[in-house]
N, C-alpha and C. Protein backbone atom coordinates (compact mmCIF):
# COMPACT_ATOMS: atom_id res chain seq x y z
N UNK A 1 0.84 -1.18 0.00
CA UNK A 1 0.00 0.00 0.00
C UNK A 1 0.89 1.25 0.00
N UNK A 2 0.72 2.09 -0.97
CA UNK A 2 1.50 3.32 -1.08
C UNK A 2 0.93 4.35 -0.10
N UNK A 3 1.81 4.96 0.68
CA UNK A 3 1.42 5.99 1.64
C UNK A 3 1.23 7.29 0.86
N UNK A 4 0.12 7.96 1.07
CA UNK A 4 -0.17 9.19 0.32
C UNK A 4 0.71 10.36 0.75
N UNK A 5 1.00 10.46 2.06
CA UNK A 5 1.79 11.58 2.57
C UNK A 5 2.91 11.01 3.44
N UNK A 6 4.16 11.16 2.99
CA UNK A 6 5.27 10.59 3.76
C UNK A 6 5.83 11.57 4.80
N UNK A 7 5.25 12.76 4.93
CA UNK A 7 5.76 13.75 5.89
C UNK A 7 5.80 13.20 7.32
N UNK A 8 4.74 12.53 7.83
CA UNK A 8 4.84 11.99 9.20
C UNK A 8 5.94 10.94 9.34
N UNK A 9 6.26 10.27 8.25
CA UNK A 9 7.30 9.24 8.30
C UNK A 9 8.68 9.89 8.37
N UNK A 10 8.95 10.84 7.49
CA UNK A 10 10.28 11.45 7.46
C UNK A 10 10.53 12.37 8.66
N UNK A 11 9.49 12.73 9.39
CA UNK A 11 9.67 13.52 10.61
C UNK A 11 9.94 12.64 11.82
N UNK A 12 9.88 11.32 11.62
CA UNK A 12 10.08 10.38 12.71
C UNK A 12 11.54 9.99 12.89
N UNK A 13 11.73 8.88 13.60
CA UNK A 13 13.06 8.35 13.89
C UNK A 13 13.21 6.97 13.28
N UNK A 14 14.42 6.66 12.81
CA UNK A 14 14.71 5.37 12.20
C UNK A 14 15.73 4.63 13.06
N UNK A 15 15.48 3.33 13.25
CA UNK A 15 16.40 2.51 14.03
C UNK A 15 16.80 1.29 13.21
N UNK A 16 18.11 1.10 13.08
CA UNK A 16 18.63 -0.06 12.35
C UNK A 16 18.30 -1.32 13.13
N UNK A 17 17.64 -2.27 12.47
CA UNK A 17 17.27 -3.53 13.11
C UNK A 17 18.34 -4.59 12.90
N UNK A 18 18.79 -4.74 11.65
CA UNK A 18 19.81 -5.72 11.32
C UNK A 18 20.28 -5.49 9.89
N UNK A 19 21.37 -6.16 9.53
CA UNK A 19 21.88 -6.12 8.15
C UNK A 19 21.86 -7.55 7.63
N UNK A 20 21.18 -7.75 6.52
CA UNK A 20 21.06 -9.08 5.92
C UNK A 20 22.25 -9.36 5.01
N UNK A 21 22.46 -10.64 4.72
CA UNK A 21 23.49 -11.05 3.77
C UNK A 21 23.26 -10.31 2.46
N UNK A 22 24.33 -9.91 1.83
CA UNK A 22 24.22 -9.17 0.58
C UNK A 22 24.22 -7.67 0.80
N UNK A 23 24.22 -7.24 2.07
CA UNK A 23 24.30 -5.82 2.37
C UNK A 23 22.98 -5.07 2.36
N UNK A 24 21.92 -5.69 2.85
CA UNK A 24 20.63 -5.02 2.95
C UNK A 24 20.43 -4.56 4.39
N UNK A 25 20.40 -3.24 4.59
CA UNK A 25 20.15 -2.67 5.92
C UNK A 25 18.64 -2.56 6.11
N UNK A 26 18.16 -3.07 7.23
CA UNK A 26 16.73 -3.04 7.52
C UNK A 26 16.50 -2.08 8.68
N UNK A 27 15.77 -1.01 8.40
CA UNK A 27 15.42 0.00 9.40
C UNK A 27 13.95 -0.10 9.75
N UNK A 28 13.63 0.17 11.02
CA UNK A 28 12.25 0.41 11.43
C UNK A 28 12.14 1.90 11.69
N UNK A 29 11.12 2.48 11.12
CA UNK A 29 10.89 3.92 11.26
C UNK A 29 9.62 4.13 12.07
N UNK A 30 9.74 4.91 13.13
CA UNK A 30 8.57 5.28 13.92
C UNK A 30 8.17 6.67 13.47
N UNK A 31 7.02 6.76 12.79
CA UNK A 31 6.52 8.03 12.28
C UNK A 31 5.96 8.85 13.44
N UNK A 32 5.81 10.15 13.24
CA UNK A 32 5.29 11.01 14.30
C UNK A 32 3.83 10.70 14.64
N UNK A 33 3.12 10.02 13.74
CA UNK A 33 1.73 9.63 14.04
C UNK A 33 1.67 8.28 14.78
N UNK A 34 2.84 7.72 15.13
CA UNK A 34 2.89 6.49 15.90
C UNK A 34 2.96 5.21 15.08
N UNK A 35 2.79 5.31 13.77
CA UNK A 35 2.86 4.11 12.93
C UNK A 35 4.32 3.70 12.75
N UNK A 36 4.54 2.41 12.54
CA UNK A 36 5.89 1.87 12.35
C UNK A 36 6.00 1.29 10.94
N UNK A 37 7.12 1.60 10.28
CA UNK A 37 7.36 1.13 8.92
C UNK A 37 8.71 0.45 8.85
N UNK A 38 8.83 -0.51 7.94
CA UNK A 38 10.10 -1.17 7.69
C UNK A 38 10.63 -0.72 6.34
N UNK A 39 11.91 -0.36 6.33
CA UNK A 39 12.59 0.11 5.13
C UNK A 39 13.84 -0.71 4.91
N UNK A 40 14.06 -1.17 3.69
CA UNK A 40 15.27 -1.91 3.35
C UNK A 40 16.10 -1.09 2.38
N UNK A 41 17.39 -0.96 2.68
CA UNK A 41 18.31 -0.20 1.83
C UNK A 41 19.42 -1.14 1.37
N UNK A 42 19.64 -1.20 0.07
CA UNK A 42 20.68 -2.04 -0.51
C UNK A 42 22.01 -1.29 -0.42
N UNK A 43 22.84 -1.67 0.54
CA UNK A 43 24.12 -0.98 0.75
C UNK A 43 25.18 -1.37 -0.27
N UNK A 44 24.96 -2.45 -1.01
CA UNK A 44 25.96 -2.89 -1.97
C UNK A 44 25.94 -2.05 -3.25
N UNK A 45 24.90 -1.26 -3.46
CA UNK A 45 24.81 -0.39 -4.62
C UNK A 45 25.54 0.93 -4.32
N UNK A 46 26.83 0.97 -4.60
CA UNK A 46 27.67 2.13 -4.26
C UNK A 46 27.26 3.39 -5.02
N UNK A 47 26.70 3.24 -6.21
CA UNK A 47 26.24 4.42 -6.95
C UNK A 47 25.05 5.06 -6.24
N UNK A 48 24.26 4.26 -5.53
CA UNK A 48 23.09 4.77 -4.84
C UNK A 48 23.44 5.34 -3.47
N UNK A 49 24.22 4.60 -2.69
CA UNK A 49 24.50 5.03 -1.32
C UNK A 49 25.78 5.85 -1.19
N UNK A 50 26.67 5.74 -2.16
CA UNK A 50 27.93 6.47 -2.11
C UNK A 50 29.07 5.58 -1.66
N UNK A 51 30.26 5.98 -2.02
CA UNK A 51 31.46 5.19 -1.71
C UNK A 51 31.80 5.19 -0.23
N UNK A 52 31.49 6.28 0.47
CA UNK A 52 31.89 6.41 1.87
C UNK A 52 30.71 6.57 2.81
N UNK A 53 29.55 6.13 2.40
CA UNK A 53 28.34 6.30 3.22
C UNK A 53 28.47 5.56 4.54
N UNK A 54 27.93 6.15 5.59
CA UNK A 54 27.90 5.54 6.91
C UNK A 54 26.45 5.61 7.41
N UNK A 55 25.93 4.51 7.88
CA UNK A 55 24.56 4.44 8.37
C UNK A 55 24.60 4.16 9.86
N UNK A 56 24.07 5.08 10.64
CA UNK A 56 24.08 4.96 12.10
C UNK A 56 22.94 4.06 12.57
N UNK A 57 23.08 3.48 13.77
CA UNK A 57 22.02 2.63 14.30
C UNK A 57 20.71 3.39 14.54
N UNK A 58 20.82 4.66 14.91
CA UNK A 58 19.64 5.50 15.11
C UNK A 58 19.85 6.78 14.32
N UNK A 59 18.87 7.12 13.50
CA UNK A 59 18.94 8.31 12.65
C UNK A 59 17.60 9.03 12.67
N UNK A 60 17.63 10.31 12.38
CA UNK A 60 16.38 10.99 12.05
C UNK A 60 15.97 10.44 10.70
N UNK A 61 14.70 10.15 10.54
CA UNK A 61 14.23 9.53 9.30
C UNK A 61 14.45 10.42 8.09
N UNK A 62 14.51 11.71 8.28
CA UNK A 62 14.72 12.63 7.16
C UNK A 62 16.03 12.32 6.43
N UNK A 63 17.03 11.79 7.15
CA UNK A 63 18.32 11.42 6.55
C UNK A 63 18.12 10.31 5.51
N UNK A 64 17.10 9.48 5.71
CA UNK A 64 16.82 8.36 4.81
C UNK A 64 15.71 8.67 3.82
N UNK A 65 15.37 9.94 3.67
CA UNK A 65 14.20 10.32 2.87
C UNK A 65 14.25 9.81 1.43
N UNK A 66 15.41 9.83 0.80
CA UNK A 66 15.47 9.38 -0.60
C UNK A 66 15.05 7.91 -0.71
N UNK A 67 15.46 7.08 0.24
CA UNK A 67 15.10 5.65 0.20
C UNK A 67 13.66 5.43 0.65
N UNK A 68 13.19 6.27 1.58
CA UNK A 68 11.78 6.19 2.01
C UNK A 68 10.88 6.51 0.82
N UNK A 69 11.17 7.60 0.13
CA UNK A 69 10.35 8.01 -1.01
C UNK A 69 10.36 6.92 -2.10
N UNK A 70 11.54 6.41 -2.42
CA UNK A 70 11.66 5.38 -3.46
C UNK A 70 10.90 4.11 -3.07
N UNK A 71 11.07 3.67 -1.82
CA UNK A 71 10.38 2.46 -1.35
C UNK A 71 8.87 2.67 -1.39
N UNK A 72 8.41 3.85 -1.04
CA UNK A 72 6.98 4.14 -1.07
C UNK A 72 6.45 4.11 -2.50
N UNK A 73 7.18 4.74 -3.42
CA UNK A 73 6.75 4.77 -4.82
C UNK A 73 6.72 3.38 -5.43
N UNK A 74 7.62 2.50 -4.98
CA UNK A 74 7.69 1.14 -5.50
C UNK A 74 6.88 0.15 -4.66
N UNK A 75 6.10 0.68 -3.73
CA UNK A 75 5.26 -0.12 -2.84
C UNK A 75 6.08 -1.15 -2.06
N UNK A 76 7.25 -0.73 -1.59
CA UNK A 76 8.13 -1.59 -0.81
C UNK A 76 8.30 -1.11 0.63
N UNK A 77 7.61 -0.04 1.00
CA UNK A 77 7.63 0.46 2.36
C UNK A 77 6.55 -0.30 3.12
N UNK A 78 6.95 -1.07 4.11
CA UNK A 78 6.04 -2.00 4.78
C UNK A 78 5.60 -1.42 6.12
N UNK A 79 4.30 -1.35 6.34
CA UNK A 79 3.81 -0.95 7.65
C UNK A 79 3.88 -2.16 8.58
N UNK A 80 4.55 -1.98 9.71
CA UNK A 80 4.71 -3.04 10.70
C UNK A 80 3.66 -2.84 11.78
N UNK A 81 2.97 -3.90 12.12
CA UNK A 81 1.92 -3.79 13.16
C UNK A 81 2.34 -4.46 14.42
């Protein structure tokens, strides 16, 4: 399900849950409206994340906005219940 307005999501906080084989970082994002979303970022794609990118265990979700927007547009942003 595509989220119509991602503003409450990007205003929230993101917490790294784990990194899967192949370099997939899995974040849980707590939106300001209290909903929780799961976001996966492919860290092996250096053109996308950059050569020297560093991902902290806890981030403001706005830092991950490009991946949040892309995941939402591709219907890959998962609401966790």
